[in-house]
């Protein structure tokens, strides 16, 4: 009898077949709260990035049109630092949302320094990580090409040659970096910079040649 009671007591305390402990409700609630907070942070990050990207694009347009540094460039650099800081504090894992904005703001900052003819700022000067900085550096090669073409259109070969030399220096610096695409997608920027440089060299060579050829009807 004692044996039967012992076996019966043990069997009643055991879970019934197929019953296992479920995930606690408090755990599910905590996960839901985490996901909601991340969605809110992503939306805030997206809006910050969108604002910076639009401002950087407008600033570069003014830099090319007016050949002077607009007041907006100060705002670009300020927002660039703020967005980079926000990513470090709140945006881990969501950096791709802001990458385009960061690199365009870097591009605008570098172009502003070129137009103003002051030393180019580095990543620490702009408060940005090296990865988006390098992408912006790659893009600014194309902006310098636009400066070359503008000077050629105005028959200003001397200044065009100066910009070409700057293009060469920027492309050379860009090409020195060799890293995996898992860290930064730099190879497409390097290939584009190399192609733009070769095309611009050819156009400047042609402009030099045409400058030496007498125009039709001109006296020898």
N, C-alpha and C. Protein backbone atom coordinates (compact mmCIF):
# COMPACT_ATOMS: atom_id res chain seq x y z
N UNK A 1 0.82 -1.21 0.00
CA UNK A 1 0.00 0.00 0.00
C UNK A 1 0.85 1.25 0.00
N UNK A 2 1.90 1.27 0.87
CA UNK A 2 2.79 2.44 0.93
C UNK A 2 3.46 2.67 -0.40
N UNK A 3 3.83 1.54 -1.04
CA UNK A 3 4.48 1.67 -2.36
C UNK A 3 3.53 2.26 -3.37
N UNK A 4 2.25 1.81 -3.32
CA UNK A 4 1.27 2.34 -4.27
C UNK A 4 1.04 3.82 -4.05
N UNK A 5 0.99 4.28 -2.80
CA UNK A 5 0.78 5.70 -2.49
C UNK A 5 1.97 6.53 -2.96
N UNK A 6 3.15 5.98 -2.76
CA UNK A 6 4.34 6.72 -3.19
C UNK A 6 4.35 6.91 -4.70
N UNK A 7 4.02 5.84 -5.41
CA UNK A 7 3.99 5.95 -6.87
C UNK A 7 2.88 6.88 -7.32
N UNK A 8 1.72 6.83 -6.65
CA UNK A 8 0.62 7.70 -7.02
C UNK A 8 0.93 9.16 -6.75
N UNK A 9 1.61 9.44 -5.63
CA UNK A 9 1.97 10.83 -5.31
C UNK A 9 2.95 11.37 -6.34
N UNK A 10 3.92 10.56 -6.72
CA UNK A 10 4.92 11.02 -7.68
C UNK A 10 4.29 11.26 -9.05
N UNK A 11 3.40 10.39 -9.47
CA UNK A 11 2.79 10.54 -10.79
C UNK A 11 1.87 11.74 -10.85
N UNK A 12 1.22 12.11 -9.74
CA UNK A 12 0.33 13.28 -9.75
C UNK A 12 1.11 14.58 -9.80
N UNK A 13 2.37 14.57 -9.30
CA UNK A 13 3.18 15.78 -9.31
C UNK A 13 3.84 16.03 -10.66
N UNK A 14 3.96 15.01 -11.47
CA UNK A 14 4.61 15.15 -12.77
C UNK A 14 3.65 15.79 -13.77
N UNK A 15 4.19 16.58 -14.75
CA UNK A 15 3.31 17.17 -15.76
C UNK A 15 2.71 16.10 -16.63
N UNK A 16 1.53 16.41 -17.12
CA UNK A 16 0.88 15.46 -18.01
C UNK A 16 1.63 15.38 -19.32
N UNK A 17 1.52 14.25 -20.01
CA UNK A 17 2.25 14.10 -21.29
C UNK A 17 1.95 15.23 -22.27
N UNK A 18 3.02 15.82 -22.87
CA UNK A 18 2.85 16.90 -23.86
C UNK A 18 2.79 18.29 -23.26
N UNK A 19 2.78 18.45 -21.94
CA UNK A 19 2.72 19.78 -21.32
C UNK A 19 4.13 20.25 -20.97
N UNK A 20 4.53 21.42 -21.49
CA UNK A 20 5.85 21.98 -21.22
C UNK A 20 5.69 23.42 -20.76
N UNK A 21 6.66 23.97 -20.01
CA UNK A 21 6.55 25.37 -19.56
C UNK A 21 6.47 26.32 -20.75
N UNK A 22 5.54 27.26 -20.72
CA UNK A 22 5.38 28.23 -21.81
C UNK A 22 6.23 29.47 -21.55
N UNK A 23 6.41 30.28 -22.61
CA UNK A 23 7.13 31.55 -22.46
C UNK A 23 6.31 32.48 -21.57
N UNK A 24 6.96 33.06 -20.58
CA UNK A 24 6.25 33.93 -19.66
C UNK A 24 5.69 35.17 -20.36
N UNK A 25 4.52 35.62 -19.95
CA UNK A 25 3.89 36.79 -20.55
C UNK A 25 4.75 38.04 -20.42
N UNK A 26 5.42 38.15 -19.28
CA UNK A 26 6.26 39.34 -19.07
C UNK A 26 7.39 39.42 -20.08
N UNK A 27 7.89 38.27 -20.54
CA UNK A 27 8.95 38.26 -21.55
C UNK A 27 8.41 38.75 -22.88
N UNK A 28 7.23 38.26 -23.28
CA UNK A 28 6.64 38.69 -24.54
C UNK A 28 6.33 40.18 -24.52
N UNK A 29 5.82 40.68 -23.39
CA UNK A 29 5.50 42.10 -23.26
C UNK A 29 6.78 42.94 -23.39
N UNK A 30 7.86 42.49 -22.77
CA UNK A 30 9.13 43.22 -22.84
C UNK A 30 9.66 43.27 -24.26
N UNK A 31 9.52 42.16 -24.99
CA UNK A 31 9.98 42.14 -26.38
C UNK A 31 9.14 43.08 -27.24
N UNK A 32 7.83 43.08 -27.04
CA UNK A 32 6.96 44.00 -27.77
C UNK A 32 7.35 45.46 -27.52
N UNK A 33 7.64 45.79 -26.27
CA UNK A 33 8.04 47.15 -25.93
C UNK A 33 9.35 47.52 -26.60
N UNK A 34 10.28 46.56 -26.63
CA UNK A 34 11.57 46.81 -27.30
C UNK A 34 11.37 47.09 -28.78
N UNK A 35 10.54 46.29 -29.44
CA UNK A 35 10.32 46.47 -30.87
C UNK A 35 9.63 47.79 -31.17
N UNK A 36 8.67 48.19 -30.33
CA UNK A 36 8.00 49.48 -30.53
C UNK A 36 8.99 50.63 -30.40
N UNK A 37 9.87 50.53 -29.40
CA UNK A 37 10.86 51.59 -29.20
C UNK A 37 11.83 51.65 -30.38
N UNK A 38 12.19 50.50 -30.89
CA UNK A 38 13.11 50.51 -32.03
C UNK A 38 12.44 51.08 -33.27
N UNK A 39 11.16 50.77 -33.48
CA UNK A 39 10.43 51.35 -34.60
C UNK A 39 10.39 52.87 -34.49
N UNK A 40 10.16 53.38 -33.28
CA UNK A 40 10.14 54.83 -33.07
C UNK A 40 11.51 55.44 -33.33
N UNK A 41 12.56 54.77 -32.88
CA UNK A 41 13.91 55.28 -33.11
C UNK A 41 14.26 55.27 -34.59
N UNK A 42 13.84 54.22 -35.29
CA UNK A 42 14.10 54.14 -36.74
C UNK A 42 13.38 55.28 -37.48
N UNK A 43 12.17 55.57 -37.09
CA UNK A 43 11.44 56.66 -37.73
C UNK A 43 12.13 58.00 -37.44
N UNK A 44 12.58 58.18 -36.21
CA UNK A 44 13.29 59.42 -35.87
C UNK A 44 14.60 59.51 -36.65
N UNK A 45 15.30 58.39 -36.76
CA UNK A 45 16.55 58.36 -37.52
C UNK A 45 16.29 58.67 -38.99
N UNK A 46 15.25 58.10 -39.54
CA UNK A 46 14.91 58.34 -40.95
C UNK A 46 14.63 59.82 -41.21
N UNK A 47 13.88 60.45 -40.32
CA UNK A 47 13.56 61.87 -40.50
C UNK A 47 14.80 62.74 -40.39
N UNK A 48 15.68 62.43 -39.45
CA UNK A 48 16.93 63.19 -39.31
C UNK A 48 17.78 63.03 -40.57
N UNK A 49 17.88 61.80 -41.06
CA UNK A 49 18.69 61.54 -42.25
C UNK A 49 18.10 62.23 -43.48
N UNK A 50 16.78 62.18 -43.61
CA UNK A 50 16.12 62.81 -44.76
C UNK A 50 16.36 64.32 -44.77
N UNK A 51 16.27 64.93 -43.62
CA UNK A 51 16.51 66.38 -43.53
C UNK A 51 17.94 66.73 -43.91
N UNK A 52 18.89 65.95 -43.40
CA UNK A 52 20.29 66.22 -43.69
C UNK A 52 20.60 66.00 -45.16
N UNK A 53 20.07 64.93 -45.74
CA UNK A 53 20.34 64.63 -47.15
C UNK A 53 19.83 65.76 -48.06
N UNK A 54 18.62 66.22 -47.81
CA UNK A 54 18.06 67.30 -48.62
C UNK A 54 18.87 68.59 -48.47
N UNK A 55 19.27 68.91 -47.26
CA UNK A 55 20.05 70.12 -47.04
C UNK A 55 21.41 70.03 -47.71
N UNK A 56 22.04 68.86 -47.63
CA UNK A 56 23.35 68.68 -48.26
C UNK A 56 23.25 68.82 -49.78
N UNK A 57 22.22 68.25 -50.37
CA UNK A 57 22.04 68.34 -51.82
C UNK A 57 21.81 69.79 -52.25
N UNK A 58 20.97 70.51 -51.51
CA UNK A 58 20.71 71.91 -51.85
C UNK A 58 21.96 72.75 -51.68
N UNK A 59 22.75 72.45 -50.67
CA UNK A 59 23.98 73.20 -50.41
C UNK A 59 24.99 73.00 -51.54
N UNK A 60 25.13 71.76 -52.02
CA UNK A 60 26.05 71.51 -53.13
C UNK A 60 25.60 72.21 -54.40
N UNK A 61 24.30 72.27 -54.64
CA UNK A 61 23.79 72.99 -55.81
C UNK A 61 24.16 74.47 -55.73
N UNK A 62 24.04 75.06 -54.55
CA UNK A 62 24.41 76.47 -54.39
C UNK A 62 25.91 76.67 -54.52
N UNK A 63 26.69 75.72 -54.02
CA UNK A 63 28.15 75.84 -54.14
C UNK A 63 28.56 75.89 -55.60
N UNK A 64 27.94 75.07 -56.43
CA UNK A 64 28.27 75.07 -57.86
C UNK A 64 27.73 76.32 -58.55
N UNK A 65 26.55 76.75 -58.17
CA UNK A 65 25.92 77.88 -58.86
C UNK A 65 26.56 79.21 -58.49
N UNK A 66 26.96 79.35 -57.22
CA UNK A 66 27.41 80.65 -56.74
C UNK A 66 28.91 80.74 -56.52
N UNK A 67 29.60 79.58 -56.52
CA UNK A 67 31.05 79.55 -56.31
C UNK A 67 31.46 80.24 -55.01
N UNK A 68 30.62 80.12 -54.03
CA UNK A 68 30.95 80.61 -52.69
C UNK A 68 30.27 79.71 -51.68
N UNK A 69 30.76 79.77 -50.44
CA UNK A 69 30.23 78.89 -49.41
C UNK A 69 28.97 79.49 -48.80
N UNK A 70 27.82 78.85 -48.95
CA UNK A 70 26.58 79.39 -48.39
C UNK A 70 26.50 79.14 -46.89
N UNK A 71 25.63 79.90 -46.25
CA UNK A 71 25.46 79.73 -44.80
C UNK A 71 24.96 78.34 -44.44
N UNK A 72 24.25 77.71 -45.37
CA UNK A 72 23.70 76.39 -45.10
C UNK A 72 24.77 75.34 -44.79
N UNK A 73 26.01 75.59 -45.24
CA UNK A 73 27.05 74.61 -45.00
C UNK A 73 27.32 74.45 -43.51
N UNK A 74 27.17 75.52 -42.76
CA UNK A 74 27.33 75.43 -41.30
C UNK A 74 26.28 74.49 -40.72
N UNK A 75 25.06 74.60 -41.22
CA UNK A 75 23.98 73.72 -40.75
C UNK A 75 24.24 72.28 -41.15
N UNK A 76 24.77 72.07 -42.36
CA UNK A 76 25.09 70.72 -42.81
C UNK A 76 26.09 70.07 -41.86
N UNK A 77 27.14 70.77 -41.54
CA UNK A 77 28.16 70.21 -40.67
C UNK A 77 27.62 69.99 -39.27
N UNK A 78 26.77 70.90 -38.80
CA UNK A 78 26.18 70.72 -37.47
C UNK A 78 25.27 69.50 -37.41
N UNK A 79 24.41 69.36 -38.42
CA UNK A 79 23.50 68.22 -38.45
C UNK A 79 24.24 66.91 -38.69
N UNK A 80 25.33 66.98 -39.43
CA UNK A 80 26.14 65.79 -39.67
C UNK A 80 26.69 65.26 -38.34
N UNK A 81 27.23 66.16 -37.53
CA UNK A 81 27.75 65.74 -36.23
C UNK A 81 26.65 65.21 -35.32
N UNK A 82 25.50 65.86 -35.36
CA UNK A 82 24.38 65.43 -34.52
C UNK A 82 23.89 64.04 -34.92
N UNK A 83 23.76 63.80 -36.23
CA UNK A 83 23.28 62.51 -36.70
C UNK A 83 24.28 61.41 -36.37
N UNK A 84 25.56 61.69 -36.55
CA UNK A 84 26.58 60.69 -36.21
C UNK A 84 26.54 60.35 -34.73
N UNK A 85 26.37 61.36 -33.89
CA UNK A 85 26.29 61.13 -32.45
C UNK A 85 25.04 60.33 -32.10
N UNK A 86 23.92 60.64 -32.76
CA UNK A 86 22.68 59.91 -32.51
C UNK A 86 22.84 58.44 -32.86
N UNK A 87 23.53 58.16 -33.97
CA UNK A 87 23.76 56.77 -34.37
C UNK A 87 24.56 56.02 -33.31
N UNK A 88 25.56 56.67 -32.75
CA UNK A 88 26.38 56.02 -31.73
C UNK A 88 25.57 55.72 -30.48
N UNK A 89 24.66 56.62 -30.13
CA UNK A 89 23.89 56.46 -28.90
C UNK A 89 22.65 55.60 -29.06
N UNK A 90 21.92 55.80 -30.17
CA UNK A 90 20.59 55.21 -30.30
C UNK A 90 20.41 54.31 -31.53
N UNK A 91 21.29 54.41 -32.50
CA UNK A 91 21.00 53.78 -33.79
C UNK A 91 21.78 52.54 -34.12
N UNK A 92 22.39 51.90 -33.15
CA UNK A 92 23.16 50.69 -33.45
C UNK A 92 22.27 49.66 -34.14
N UNK A 93 22.75 49.17 -35.28
CA UNK A 93 21.99 48.21 -36.05
C UNK A 93 21.17 48.84 -37.16
N UNK A 94 20.95 50.16 -37.08
CA UNK A 94 20.14 50.85 -38.08
C UNK A 94 20.96 51.85 -38.90
N UNK A 95 22.29 51.71 -38.86
CA UNK A 95 23.16 52.65 -39.57
C UNK A 95 22.86 52.78 -41.06
N UNK A 96 22.47 51.70 -41.77
CA UNK A 96 22.19 51.84 -43.20
C UNK A 96 21.13 52.88 -43.53
N UNK A 97 20.21 53.14 -42.61
CA UNK A 97 19.17 54.14 -42.85
C UNK A 97 19.77 55.54 -43.04
N UNK A 98 20.91 55.78 -42.42
CA UNK A 98 21.49 57.11 -42.44
C UNK A 98 22.71 57.23 -43.33
N UNK A 99 23.13 56.13 -43.94
CA UNK A 99 24.40 56.15 -44.67
C UNK A 99 24.41 57.14 -45.82
N UNK A 100 23.35 57.17 -46.63
CA UNK A 100 23.31 58.10 -47.76
C UNK A 100 23.40 59.54 -47.29
N UNK A 101 22.69 59.86 -46.22
CA UNK A 101 22.70 61.23 -45.71
C UNK A 101 24.08 61.61 -45.19
N UNK A 102 24.72 60.69 -44.49
CA UNK A 102 26.05 60.97 -43.95
C UNK A 102 27.06 61.22 -45.06
N UNK A 103 27.07 60.36 -46.08
CA UNK A 103 28.06 60.53 -47.14
C UNK A 103 27.79 61.78 -47.97
N UNK A 104 26.52 62.16 -48.15
CA UNK A 104 26.23 63.39 -48.90
C UNK A 104 26.62 64.62 -48.10
N UNK A 105 26.44 64.55 -46.78
CA UNK A 105 26.86 65.68 -45.94
C UNK A 105 28.38 65.81 -45.93
N UNK A 106 29.08 64.67 -45.92
CA UNK A 106 30.54 64.70 -46.02
C UNK A 106 30.94 65.30 -47.37
N UNK A 107 30.29 64.87 -48.42
CA UNK A 107 30.58 65.38 -49.77
C UNK A 107 30.39 66.89 -49.83
N UNK A 108 29.28 67.38 -49.27
CA UNK A 108 29.02 68.83 -49.26
C UNK A 108 30.07 69.58 -48.45
N UNK A 109 30.49 69.00 -47.33
CA UNK A 109 31.50 69.64 -46.49
C UNK A 109 32.84 69.73 -47.20
N UNK A 110 33.21 68.65 -47.89
CA UNK A 110 34.47 68.66 -48.63
C UNK A 110 34.42 69.63 -49.81
N UNK A 111 33.29 69.64 -50.51
CA UNK A 111 33.15 70.58 -51.63
C UNK A 111 33.21 72.01 -51.14
N UNK A 112 32.60 72.29 -50.00
CA UNK A 112 32.67 73.64 -49.44
C UNK A 112 34.10 74.06 -49.16
N UNK A 113 34.89 73.14 -48.60
CA UNK A 113 36.29 73.45 -48.32
C UNK A 113 37.07 73.68 -49.61
N UNK A 114 36.76 72.92 -50.66
CA UNK A 114 37.43 73.09 -51.95
C UNK A 114 37.11 74.45 -52.54
N UNK A 115 35.84 74.82 -52.55
CA UNK A 115 35.44 76.12 -53.09
C UNK A 115 36.06 77.26 -52.28
N UNK A 116 36.15 77.07 -50.98
CA UNK A 116 36.72 78.10 -50.11
C UNK A 116 38.25 78.07 -50.12
N UNK A 117 38.82 76.99 -50.67
CA UNK A 117 40.27 76.80 -50.76
C UNK A 117 40.91 76.77 -49.38
N UNK A 118 40.33 75.95 -48.52
CA UNK A 118 40.89 75.71 -47.19
C UNK A 118 41.16 74.21 -47.08
N UNK A 119 42.01 73.80 -46.13
CA UNK A 119 42.30 72.37 -45.99
C UNK A 119 41.03 71.54 -45.81
N UNK A 120 41.02 70.38 -46.43
CA UNK A 120 39.84 69.52 -46.33
C UNK A 120 39.72 68.94 -44.92
N UNK A 121 38.54 68.97 -44.34
CA UNK A 121 38.35 68.39 -43.00
C UNK A 121 38.41 66.87 -43.05
N UNK A 122 38.84 66.26 -41.95
CA UNK A 122 38.88 64.81 -41.85
C UNK A 122 37.66 64.30 -41.10
N UNK A 123 37.57 63.00 -40.91
CA UNK A 123 36.42 62.43 -40.21
C UNK A 123 36.22 63.01 -38.81
N UNK A 124 37.29 63.16 -38.05
CA UNK A 124 37.15 63.68 -36.69
C UNK A 124 36.71 65.13 -36.70
N UNK A 125 37.12 65.90 -37.72
CA UNK A 125 36.69 67.30 -37.83
C UNK A 125 35.19 67.39 -38.05
N UNK A 126 34.64 66.42 -38.76
CA UNK A 126 33.21 66.43 -39.08
C UNK A 126 32.39 65.63 -38.09
N UNK A 127 33.07 64.91 -37.19
CA UNK A 127 32.36 64.11 -36.20
C UNK A 127 31.70 62.88 -36.79
N UNK A 128 32.31 62.32 -37.84
CA UNK A 128 31.71 61.19 -38.54
C UNK A 128 32.70 60.03 -38.56
N UNK A 129 32.17 58.81 -38.71
CA UNK A 129 33.04 57.63 -38.77
C UNK A 129 33.78 57.60 -40.11
N UNK A 130 34.93 56.91 -40.17
CA UNK A 130 35.70 56.86 -41.43
C UNK A 130 34.96 56.24 -42.60
N UNK A 131 34.06 55.28 -42.34
CA UNK A 131 33.39 54.58 -43.45
C UNK A 131 32.53 55.53 -44.30
N UNK A 132 31.57 56.26 -43.72
CA UNK A 132 30.81 57.20 -44.55
C UNK A 132 31.67 58.34 -45.06
N UNK A 133 32.73 58.67 -44.33
CA UNK A 133 33.63 59.72 -44.81
C UNK A 133 34.27 59.31 -46.14
N UNK A 134 34.74 58.07 -46.21
CA UNK A 134 35.37 57.60 -47.45
C UNK A 134 34.39 57.59 -48.61
N UNK A 135 33.14 57.23 -48.35
CA UNK A 135 32.14 57.24 -49.41
C UNK A 135 31.89 58.66 -49.91
N UNK A 136 31.85 59.62 -48.98
CA UNK A 136 31.70 61.01 -49.38
C UNK A 136 32.92 61.52 -50.14
N UNK A 137 34.09 61.07 -49.73
CA UNK A 137 35.32 61.44 -50.44
C UNK A 137 35.29 60.93 -51.87
N UNK A 138 34.78 59.71 -52.04
CA UNK A 138 34.66 59.18 -53.39
C UNK A 138 33.72 60.00 -54.26
N UNK A 139 32.63 60.44 -53.69
CA UNK A 139 31.65 61.22 -54.45
C UNK A 139 32.15 62.62 -54.80
N UNK A 140 32.98 63.20 -53.95
CA UNK A 140 33.41 64.57 -54.21
C UNK A 140 34.35 64.64 -55.40
N UNK A 141 34.94 63.51 -55.80
CA UNK A 141 35.75 63.50 -57.03
C UNK A 141 34.90 63.93 -58.21
N UNK A 142 33.67 63.46 -58.27
CA UNK A 142 32.77 63.87 -59.35
C UNK A 142 32.39 65.33 -59.28
N UNK A 143 32.30 65.87 -58.06
CA UNK A 143 31.98 67.29 -57.91
C UNK A 143 33.14 68.16 -58.40
N UNK A 144 34.36 67.71 -58.17
CA UNK A 144 35.52 68.46 -58.66
C UNK A 144 35.56 68.39 -60.18
N UNK A 145 35.17 67.28 -60.75
CA UNK A 145 35.08 67.20 -62.22
C UNK A 145 34.13 68.26 -62.76
N UNK A 146 33.01 68.49 -62.08
CA UNK A 146 32.08 69.54 -62.50
C UNK A 146 32.75 70.91 -62.48
N UNK A 147 33.61 71.12 -61.50
CA UNK A 147 34.35 72.39 -61.44
C UNK A 147 35.31 72.51 -62.62
N UNK A 148 35.95 71.41 -62.97
CA UNK A 148 36.86 71.42 -64.13
C UNK A 148 36.09 71.78 -65.40
N UNK A 149 34.95 71.13 -65.61
CA UNK A 149 34.17 71.38 -66.82
C UNK A 149 33.64 72.80 -66.87
N UNK A 150 33.29 73.34 -65.73
CA UNK A 150 32.82 74.72 -65.70
C UNK A 150 33.93 75.68 -66.11
N UNK A 151 35.15 75.43 -65.63
CA UNK A 151 36.27 76.31 -65.99
C UNK A 151 36.64 76.15 -67.46
N UNK A 152 36.53 74.94 -67.99
CA UNK A 152 36.79 74.74 -69.42
C UNK A 152 35.76 75.49 -70.26
N UNK A 153 34.52 75.49 -69.81
CA UNK A 153 33.47 76.21 -70.54
C UNK A 153 33.73 77.71 -70.56
N UNK A 154 34.48 78.21 -69.58
CA UNK A 154 34.82 79.63 -69.52
C UNK A 154 36.25 79.90 -70.01
N UNK A 155 36.85 78.91 -70.70
CA UNK A 155 38.20 79.05 -71.26
C UNK A 155 39.24 79.38 -70.19
N UNK A 156 39.01 78.91 -68.97
CA UNK A 156 39.94 79.14 -67.87
C UNK A 156 40.77 77.87 -67.65
N UNK A 157 41.73 77.66 -68.56
CA UNK A 157 42.51 76.43 -68.51
C UNK A 157 43.36 76.31 -67.26
N UNK A 158 43.88 77.41 -66.80
CA UNK A 158 44.76 77.38 -65.63
C UNK A 158 44.03 76.85 -64.40
N UNK A 159 42.85 77.37 -64.13
CA UNK A 159 42.09 76.91 -62.97
C UNK A 159 41.62 75.48 -63.17
N UNK A 160 41.23 75.14 -64.41
CA UNK A 160 40.81 73.78 -64.70
C UNK A 160 41.93 72.79 -64.41
N UNK A 161 43.15 73.16 -64.77
CA UNK A 161 44.29 72.29 -64.50
C UNK A 161 44.52 72.13 -63.00
N UNK A 162 44.30 73.20 -62.25
CA UNK A 162 44.42 73.10 -60.79
C UNK A 162 43.39 72.14 -60.20
N UNK A 163 42.18 72.22 -60.68
CA UNK A 163 41.15 71.29 -60.22
C UNK A 163 41.47 69.86 -60.63
N UNK A 164 42.01 69.68 -61.84
CA UNK A 164 42.39 68.34 -62.27
C UNK A 164 43.46 67.76 -61.34
N UNK A 165 44.42 68.58 -60.96
CA UNK A 165 45.46 68.11 -60.03
C UNK A 165 44.83 67.70 -58.70
N UNK A 166 43.83 68.44 -58.27
CA UNK A 166 43.13 68.07 -57.04
C UNK A 166 42.39 66.75 -57.22
N UNK A 167 41.74 66.56 -58.36
CA UNK A 167 41.08 65.29 -58.65
C UNK A 167 42.07 64.14 -58.56
N UNK A 168 43.24 64.32 -59.13
CA UNK A 168 44.26 63.27 -59.11
C UNK A 168 44.67 62.93 -57.69
N UNK A 169 44.83 63.97 -56.87
CA UNK A 169 45.24 63.74 -55.48
C UNK A 169 44.15 63.02 -54.69
N UNK A 170 42.89 63.44 -54.90
CA UNK A 170 41.78 62.81 -54.19
C UNK A 170 41.62 61.35 -54.61
N UNK A 171 41.70 61.09 -55.92
CA UNK A 171 41.57 59.72 -56.42
C UNK A 171 42.71 58.84 -55.91
N UNK A 172 43.91 59.39 -55.89
CA UNK A 172 45.06 58.63 -55.39
C UNK A 172 44.87 58.26 -53.92
N UNK A 173 44.38 59.21 -53.14
CA UNK A 173 44.12 58.93 -51.73
C UNK A 173 43.05 57.86 -51.57
N UNK A 174 41.99 57.98 -52.35
CA UNK A 174 40.88 57.02 -52.27
C UNK A 174 41.34 55.61 -52.63
N UNK A 175 42.21 55.50 -53.63
CA UNK A 175 42.64 54.20 -54.12
C UNK A 175 43.63 53.50 -53.19
N UNK A 176 44.15 54.19 -52.22
CA UNK A 176 45.10 53.56 -51.31
C UNK A 176 44.42 52.63 -50.31
N UNK A 177 43.10 52.79 -50.13
CA UNK A 177 42.40 52.00 -49.13
C UNK A 177 41.90 50.70 -49.74
N UNK A 178 42.21 49.61 -49.06
CA UNK A 178 41.84 48.27 -49.53
C UNK A 178 41.20 47.53 -48.37
N UNK A 179 39.89 47.38 -48.41
CA UNK A 179 39.19 46.71 -47.32
C UNK A 179 38.01 45.93 -47.87
N UNK A 180 37.47 45.04 -47.08
CA UNK A 180 36.37 44.21 -47.51
C UNK A 180 35.08 45.01 -47.64
N UNK A 181 34.23 44.56 -48.56
CA UNK A 181 32.94 45.23 -48.76
C UNK A 181 32.04 45.08 -47.56
N UNK A 182 32.33 44.11 -46.70
CA UNK A 182 31.54 43.94 -45.48
C UNK A 182 31.73 45.13 -44.55
N UNK A 183 32.84 45.83 -44.68
CA UNK A 183 33.10 47.01 -43.84
C UNK A 183 32.58 48.26 -44.52
N UNK A 184 32.94 48.46 -45.77
CA UNK A 184 32.46 49.63 -46.52
C UNK A 184 32.50 49.31 -48.01
N UNK A 185 31.45 49.67 -48.72
CA UNK A 185 31.35 49.42 -50.17
C UNK A 185 32.16 50.47 -50.92
N UNK A 186 33.48 50.36 -50.84
CA UNK A 186 34.36 51.39 -51.38
C UNK A 186 34.77 51.13 -52.82
N UNK A 187 34.81 49.87 -53.24
CA UNK A 187 35.31 49.54 -54.58
C UNK A 187 34.53 50.27 -55.69
N UNK A 188 33.19 50.33 -55.67
CA UNK A 188 32.49 51.07 -56.73
C UNK A 188 32.89 52.54 -56.78
N UNK A 189 33.13 53.15 -55.62
CA UNK A 189 33.55 54.55 -55.59
C UNK A 189 34.94 54.70 -56.20
N UNK A 190 35.82 53.76 -55.90
CA UNK A 190 37.17 53.81 -56.45
C UNK A 190 37.15 53.64 -57.97
N UNK A 191 36.36 52.71 -58.46
CA UNK A 191 36.27 52.49 -59.90
C UNK A 191 35.70 53.72 -60.60
N UNK A 192 34.66 54.33 -59.99
CA UNK A 192 34.05 55.52 -60.59
C UNK A 192 35.04 56.68 -60.60
N UNK A 193 35.78 56.86 -59.50
CA UNK A 193 36.75 57.95 -59.42
C UNK A 193 37.83 57.78 -60.48
N UNK A 194 38.30 56.56 -60.67
CA UNK A 194 39.34 56.30 -61.67
C UNK A 194 38.83 56.63 -63.08
N UNK A 195 37.60 56.21 -63.37
CA UNK A 195 37.02 56.46 -64.70
C UNK A 195 36.80 57.94 -64.93
N UNK A 196 36.29 58.66 -63.93
CA UNK A 196 36.06 60.10 -64.07
C UNK A 196 37.37 60.85 -64.27
N UNK A 197 38.40 60.41 -63.56
CA UNK A 197 39.70 61.06 -63.69
C UNK A 197 40.26 60.90 -65.10
N UNK A 198 40.20 59.70 -65.65
CA UNK A 198 40.72 59.47 -66.99
C UNK A 198 39.93 60.26 -68.04
N UNK A 199 38.62 60.31 -67.88
CA UNK A 199 37.80 61.07 -68.82
C UNK A 199 38.12 62.57 -68.75
N UNK A 200 38.30 63.07 -67.54
CA UNK A 200 38.59 64.50 -67.36
C UNK A 200 39.96 64.85 -67.91
N UNK A 201 40.93 63.97 -67.72
CA UNK A 201 42.26 64.19 -68.29
C UNK A 201 42.16 64.33 -69.81
N UNK A 202 41.40 63.43 -70.43
CA UNK A 202 41.25 63.49 -71.88
C UNK A 202 40.60 64.77 -72.34
N UNK A 203 39.60 65.22 -71.63
CA UNK A 203 38.92 66.45 -72.01
C UNK A 203 39.82 67.67 -71.85
N UNK A 204 40.66 67.64 -70.83
CA UNK A 204 41.58 68.76 -70.64
C UNK A 204 42.68 68.76 -71.70
N UNK A 205 43.14 67.59 -72.08
CA UNK A 205 44.12 67.50 -73.17
C UNK A 205 43.53 68.07 -74.45
N UNK A 206 42.29 67.73 -74.74
CA UNK A 206 41.64 68.25 -75.93
C UNK A 206 41.47 69.76 -75.84
N UNK A 207 41.14 70.26 -74.66
CA UNK A 207 40.97 71.70 -74.50
C UNK A 207 42.30 72.43 -74.72
N UNK A 208 43.40 71.85 -74.23
CA UNK A 208 44.71 72.46 -74.46
C UNK A 208 45.03 72.49 -75.96
N UNK A 209 44.73 71.40 -76.63
CA UNK A 209 45.00 71.33 -78.08
C UNK A 209 44.19 72.38 -78.83
N UNK A 210 42.91 72.49 -78.52
CA UNK A 210 42.06 73.44 -79.21
C UNK A 210 42.48 74.87 -78.93
N UNK A 211 43.03 75.10 -77.75
CA UNK A 211 43.47 76.46 -77.40
C UNK A 211 44.67 76.88 -78.24
N UNK A 212 45.42 75.89 -78.75
CA UNK A 212 46.60 76.22 -79.57
C UNK A 212 46.27 76.29 -81.04
N UNK A 213 45.12 75.77 -81.47
CA UNK A 213 44.75 75.77 -82.88
C UNK A 213 44.14 77.10 -83.26
N UNK A 214 44.66 77.77 -84.27
CA UNK A 214 44.08 79.06 -84.69
C UNK A 214 42.65 78.89 -85.13
N UNK A 215 41.82 79.85 -84.78
CA UNK A 215 40.41 79.79 -85.19
C UNK A 215 40.30 80.11 -86.68
N UNK A 216 39.25 79.64 -87.31
CA UNK A 216 39.07 79.86 -88.75
C UNK A 216 38.99 81.35 -89.04
N UNK A 217 39.75 81.76 -90.03
CA UNK A 217 39.72 83.17 -90.42
C UNK A 217 40.68 84.03 -89.65
N UNK A 218 41.34 83.46 -88.64
CA UNK A 218 42.28 84.27 -87.86
C UNK A 218 43.56 84.48 -88.64
N UNK A 219 44.19 85.61 -88.45
CA UNK A 219 45.44 85.89 -89.15
C UNK A 219 46.57 85.07 -88.54
N UNK A 220 47.48 84.57 -89.34
CA UNK A 220 48.62 83.80 -88.82
C UNK A 220 49.56 84.74 -88.05
